[in-house]
């Protein structure tokens, strides 16, 4: 299925099968979990299954600013949902601080 196809694709460029490098449970089953966007939305509450909490967008706002602004003047996005950044970059936190300082 999808996980098997992903492993097969990875194995084409690896020196050894990825499955040989993964932990297995006592019954021999690989300790790997795969989730679809629908699964992520239903089980983890991520809107649309997006790990960035919303659709990705071009990193520069048309209106200027730091990309952390919301419709509420005193609320800024400081995480993965911010326009510039996300994940583990720290960019949204920096940009929120800069927006506060202006």
N, C-alpha and C. Protein backbone atom coordinates (compact mmCIF):
# COMPACT_ATOMS: atom_id res chain seq x y z
N UNK A 1 0.83 -1.17 0.00
CA UNK A 1 0.00 0.00 0.00
C UNK A 1 0.88 1.23 0.00
N UNK A 2 0.40 2.36 0.53
CA UNK A 2 1.14 3.61 0.45
C UNK A 2 2.47 3.53 1.18
N UNK A 3 2.48 2.93 2.35
CA UNK A 3 3.72 2.83 3.11
C UNK A 3 4.72 1.93 2.38
N UNK A 4 4.25 0.84 1.85
CA UNK A 4 5.10 -0.07 1.09
C UNK A 4 5.70 0.65 -0.13
N UNK A 5 4.87 1.44 -0.82
CA UNK A 5 5.35 2.18 -1.99
C UNK A 5 6.38 3.23 -1.58
N UNK A 6 6.18 3.86 -0.43
CA UNK A 6 7.15 4.84 0.07
C UNK A 6 8.48 4.18 0.36
N UNK A 7 8.44 3.03 1.04
CA UNK A 7 9.68 2.29 1.31
C UNK A 7 10.37 1.89 0.01
N UNK A 8 9.62 1.41 -0.95
CA UNK A 8 10.20 0.99 -2.23
C UNK A 8 10.88 2.16 -2.92
N UNK A 9 10.27 3.33 -2.88
CA UNK A 9 10.86 4.52 -3.48
C UNK A 9 12.16 4.90 -2.77
N UNK A 10 12.15 4.87 -1.45
CA UNK A 10 13.35 5.19 -0.68
C UNK A 10 14.45 4.17 -0.94
N UNK A 11 14.08 2.91 -1.02
CA UNK A 11 15.06 1.84 -1.20
C UNK A 11 15.81 1.94 -2.52
N UNK A 12 15.24 2.63 -3.50
CA UNK A 12 15.91 2.80 -4.79
C UNK A 12 17.20 3.60 -4.68
N UNK A 13 17.31 4.44 -3.66
CA UNK A 13 18.48 5.30 -3.51
C UNK A 13 19.31 5.00 -2.27
N UNK A 14 18.92 3.99 -1.52
CA UNK A 14 19.66 3.63 -0.31
C UNK A 14 20.54 2.42 -0.55
N UNK A 15 21.61 2.31 0.24
CA UNK A 15 22.53 1.18 0.13
C UNK A 15 21.93 -0.10 0.68
N UNK A 16 21.00 0.04 1.60
CA UNK A 16 20.33 -1.12 2.19
C UNK A 16 18.85 -0.77 2.38
N UNK A 17 18.00 -1.75 2.44
CA UNK A 17 16.57 -1.47 2.59
C UNK A 17 16.30 -0.71 3.89
N UNK A 18 15.48 0.31 3.80
CA UNK A 18 15.14 1.12 4.97
C UNK A 18 14.50 0.26 6.06
N UNK A 19 13.77 -0.75 5.66
CA UNK A 19 13.11 -1.61 6.65
C UNK A 19 14.12 -2.28 7.59
N UNK A 20 15.34 -2.53 7.10
CA UNK A 20 16.37 -3.16 7.94
C UNK A 20 16.90 -2.21 9.01
N UNK A 21 16.62 -0.93 8.87
CA UNK A 21 17.12 0.09 9.80
C UNK A 21 16.06 0.52 10.81
N UNK A 22 14.85 0.02 10.68
CA UNK A 22 13.76 0.45 11.54
C UNK A 22 13.50 -0.55 12.67
N UNK A 23 13.05 -0.03 13.79
CA UNK A 23 12.73 -0.86 14.94
C UNK A 23 11.53 -1.75 14.62
N UNK A 24 11.59 -2.95 15.12
CA UNK A 24 10.47 -3.89 14.96
C UNK A 24 9.95 -4.27 16.34
N UNK A 25 8.65 -4.46 16.41
CA UNK A 25 8.00 -4.93 17.64
C UNK A 25 8.37 -6.39 17.84
N UNK A 26 8.15 -6.92 19.04
CA UNK A 26 8.48 -8.33 19.29
C UNK A 26 7.84 -9.30 18.29
N UNK A 27 6.69 -8.93 17.73
CA UNK A 27 6.05 -9.82 16.76
C UNK A 27 6.58 -9.62 15.33
N UNK A 28 7.60 -8.75 15.18
CA UNK A 28 8.23 -8.54 13.88
C UNK A 28 7.64 -7.42 13.05
N UNK A 29 6.55 -6.82 13.50
CA UNK A 29 5.93 -5.73 12.75
C UNK A 29 6.76 -4.46 12.92
N UNK A 30 6.97 -3.72 11.81
CA UNK A 30 7.73 -2.47 11.86
C UNK A 30 7.03 -1.45 12.75
N UNK A 31 7.81 -0.73 13.53
CA UNK A 31 7.27 0.32 14.40
C UNK A 31 7.19 1.62 13.61
N UNK A 32 6.29 1.63 12.66
CA UNK A 32 6.08 2.79 11.79
C UNK A 32 4.58 3.05 11.72
N UNK A 33 4.22 4.32 11.77
CA UNK A 33 2.82 4.68 11.65
C UNK A 33 2.69 5.68 10.50
N UNK A 34 1.73 5.47 9.65
CA UNK A 34 1.48 6.39 8.53
C UNK A 34 0.07 6.94 8.67
N UNK A 35 -0.06 8.25 8.46
CA UNK A 35 -1.35 8.92 8.57
C UNK A 35 -1.60 9.72 7.30
N UNK A 36 -2.84 9.71 6.84
CA UNK A 36 -3.24 10.54 5.71
C UNK A 36 -3.67 11.91 6.26
N UNK A 37 -3.82 12.91 5.39
CA UNK A 37 -4.34 14.20 5.87
C UNK A 37 -5.70 14.06 6.56
N UNK A 38 -6.55 13.17 6.06
CA UNK A 38 -7.86 12.96 6.70
C UNK A 38 -7.67 12.39 8.10
N UNK A 39 -6.74 11.43 8.24
CA UNK A 39 -6.45 10.87 9.56
C UNK A 39 -5.97 11.96 10.51
N UNK A 40 -5.07 12.83 10.05
CA UNK A 40 -4.52 13.89 10.89
C UNK A 40 -5.60 14.88 11.32
N UNK A 41 -6.51 15.16 10.41
CA UNK A 41 -7.60 16.07 10.77
C UNK A 41 -8.51 15.41 11.82
N UNK A 42 -8.87 14.17 11.60
CA UNK A 42 -9.79 13.48 12.51
C UNK A 42 -9.17 13.14 13.85
N UNK A 43 -7.92 12.71 13.85
CA UNK A 43 -7.30 12.21 15.07
C UNK A 43 -6.50 13.26 15.84
N UNK A 44 -5.92 14.21 15.14
CA UNK A 44 -5.09 15.21 15.81
C UNK A 44 -5.68 16.62 15.75
N UNK A 45 -6.80 16.77 15.04
CA UNK A 45 -7.45 18.07 14.98
C UNK A 45 -6.74 19.08 14.09
N UNK A 46 -5.87 18.62 13.19
CA UNK A 46 -5.19 19.55 12.30
C UNK A 46 -6.11 19.89 11.13
N UNK A 47 -6.48 21.16 10.97
CA UNK A 47 -7.40 21.55 9.90
C UNK A 47 -6.93 21.09 8.53
N UNK A 48 -7.74 20.31 7.85
CA UNK A 48 -7.37 19.81 6.53
C UNK A 48 -6.20 18.84 6.56
N UNK A 49 -5.78 18.43 7.75
CA UNK A 49 -4.63 17.54 7.87
C UNK A 49 -3.30 18.22 7.65
N UNK A 50 -3.28 19.56 7.65
CA UNK A 50 -2.06 20.31 7.40
C UNK A 50 -1.20 20.37 8.65
N UNK A 51 0.04 19.90 8.56
CA UNK A 51 0.93 19.98 9.72
C UNK A 51 1.27 21.43 10.05
N UNK A 52 1.08 22.33 9.08
CA UNK A 52 1.33 23.75 9.34
C UNK A 52 0.05 24.47 9.75
N UNK A 53 -0.99 23.74 10.05
CA UNK A 53 -2.25 24.24 10.61
C UNK A 53 -3.13 25.01 9.63
N UNK A 54 -2.66 25.23 8.42
CA UNK A 54 -3.46 25.84 7.37
C UNK A 54 -2.69 25.71 6.07
N UNK A 55 -3.33 26.06 4.97
CA UNK A 55 -2.65 25.99 3.68
C UNK A 55 -1.40 26.86 3.71
N UNK A 56 -0.35 26.37 3.06
CA UNK A 56 0.87 27.17 2.95
C UNK A 56 0.62 28.34 2.01
N UNK A 57 1.31 29.43 2.24
CA UNK A 57 1.14 30.62 1.42
C UNK A 57 2.51 31.21 1.11
N UNK A 58 2.52 32.11 0.14
CA UNK A 58 3.75 32.79 -0.21
C UNK A 58 4.28 33.50 1.02
N UNK A 59 5.58 33.47 1.27
CA UNK A 59 6.09 33.97 2.55
C UNK A 59 6.00 35.47 2.77
N UNK A 60 5.69 36.25 1.78
CA UNK A 60 5.63 37.69 2.00
C UNK A 60 4.20 38.18 1.82
N UNK A 61 3.71 38.85 2.84
CA UNK A 61 2.35 39.35 2.79
C UNK A 61 2.22 40.49 1.80
N UNK A 62 1.13 40.52 1.11
CA UNK A 62 0.88 41.58 0.14
C UNK A 62 0.79 42.93 0.85
N UNK A 63 0.32 42.91 2.09
CA UNK A 63 0.11 44.14 2.82
C UNK A 63 1.32 44.58 3.63
N UNK A 64 2.42 43.86 3.54
CA UNK A 64 3.59 44.18 4.35
C UNK A 64 3.49 43.56 5.71
N UNK A 65 4.17 44.12 6.66
CA UNK A 65 4.15 43.58 8.01
C UNK A 65 5.13 42.42 8.16
N UNK A 66 5.02 41.73 9.26
CA UNK A 66 5.94 40.65 9.58
C UNK A 66 5.40 39.27 9.26
N UNK A 67 4.17 39.19 8.78
CA UNK A 67 3.59 37.90 8.43
C UNK A 67 3.00 37.15 9.61
N UNK A 68 2.89 37.81 10.75
CA UNK A 68 2.34 37.18 11.95
C UNK A 68 1.02 37.83 12.38
N UNK A 69 0.62 38.87 11.66
CA UNK A 69 -0.56 39.62 12.02
C UNK A 69 -1.84 38.80 11.82
N UNK A 70 -2.83 39.09 12.64
CA UNK A 70 -4.16 38.48 12.51
C UNK A 70 -5.18 39.61 12.42
N UNK A 71 -6.43 39.25 12.30
CA UNK A 71 -7.48 40.28 12.26
C UNK A 71 -7.64 40.96 13.62
N UNK A 72 -7.05 40.40 14.66
CA UNK A 72 -7.11 40.97 16.01
C UNK A 72 -5.78 41.65 16.31
N UNK A 73 -5.83 42.94 16.56
CA UNK A 73 -4.62 43.74 16.71
C UNK A 73 -3.63 43.19 17.74
N UNK A 74 -4.12 42.61 18.81
CA UNK A 74 -3.23 42.16 19.89
C UNK A 74 -2.94 40.66 19.86
N UNK A 75 -3.30 39.99 18.77
CA UNK A 75 -3.02 38.56 18.65
C UNK A 75 -2.13 38.34 17.42
N UNK A 76 -0.98 37.71 17.65
CA UNK A 76 -0.04 37.42 16.57
C UNK A 76 0.17 35.92 16.46
N UNK A 77 0.43 35.44 15.25
CA UNK A 77 0.75 34.02 15.04
C UNK A 77 2.24 33.84 15.26
N UNK A 78 2.59 32.95 16.16
CA UNK A 78 4.00 32.75 16.49
C UNK A 78 4.48 31.34 16.19
N UNK A 79 3.69 30.56 15.49
CA UNK A 79 4.06 29.17 15.25
C UNK A 79 3.96 28.80 13.79
N UNK A 80 3.68 27.53 13.57
CA UNK A 80 3.70 26.97 12.22
C UNK A 80 2.69 27.62 11.29
N UNK A 81 1.64 28.22 11.80
CA UNK A 81 0.62 28.83 10.96
C UNK A 81 0.97 30.23 10.49
N UNK A 82 2.09 30.80 10.94
CA UNK A 82 2.48 32.15 10.53
C UNK A 82 2.85 32.16 9.05
N UNK A 83 2.72 33.32 8.42
CA UNK A 83 2.97 33.43 6.99
C UNK A 83 4.44 33.13 6.65
N UNK A 84 5.36 33.65 7.39
CA UNK A 84 6.78 33.42 7.12
C UNK A 84 7.35 32.51 8.20
N UNK A 85 7.59 31.29 7.85
CA UNK A 85 8.21 30.40 8.82
C UNK A 85 7.39 29.16 9.04
N UNK A 86 7.49 28.65 10.21
CA UNK A 86 6.80 27.43 10.55
C UNK A 86 7.80 26.38 10.96
N UNK A 87 7.29 25.23 11.26
CA UNK A 87 8.16 24.13 11.65
C UNK A 87 9.04 24.52 12.82
N UNK A 88 10.33 24.32 12.67
CA UNK A 88 11.26 24.54 13.76
C UNK A 88 12.22 25.70 13.50
N UNK A 89 11.89 26.58 12.56
CA UNK A 89 12.82 27.64 12.17
C UNK A 89 12.98 28.73 13.21
N UNK A 90 11.99 28.97 14.05
CA UNK A 90 12.04 30.08 14.99
C UNK A 90 11.66 31.41 14.36
N UNK A 91 11.49 31.42 13.04
CA UNK A 91 11.16 32.66 12.33
C UNK A 91 9.87 33.29 12.83
N UNK A 92 8.78 32.54 13.01
CA UNK A 92 7.55 33.18 13.47
C UNK A 92 7.69 33.87 14.84
N UNK A 93 8.42 33.27 15.75
CA UNK A 93 8.63 33.89 17.06
C UNK A 93 9.42 35.18 16.94
N UNK A 94 10.47 35.14 16.14
CA UNK A 94 11.26 36.35 15.89
C UNK A 94 10.39 37.45 15.29
N UNK A 95 9.61 37.07 14.26
CA UNK A 95 8.80 38.05 13.57
C UNK A 95 7.69 38.61 14.47
N UNK A 96 7.14 37.78 15.35
CA UNK A 96 6.13 38.28 16.30
C UNK A 96 6.77 39.29 17.25
N UNK A 97 7.98 39.00 17.71
CA UNK A 97 8.68 39.95 18.60
C UNK A 97 8.95 41.26 17.87
N UNK A 98 9.37 41.16 16.62
CA UNK A 98 9.65 42.38 15.84
C UNK A 98 8.37 43.18 15.62
N UNK A 99 7.26 42.48 15.38
CA UNK A 99 5.98 43.17 15.19
C UNK A 99 5.58 43.88 16.48
N UNK A 100 5.83 43.26 17.63
CA UNK A 100 5.51 43.90 18.91
C UNK A 100 6.37 45.14 19.14
N UNK A 101 7.62 45.09 18.71
CA UNK A 101 8.52 46.22 18.94
C UNK A 101 8.21 47.42 18.06
N UNK A 102 7.52 47.20 16.94
CA UNK A 102 7.26 48.36 16.06
C UNK A 102 6.22 49.24 16.60
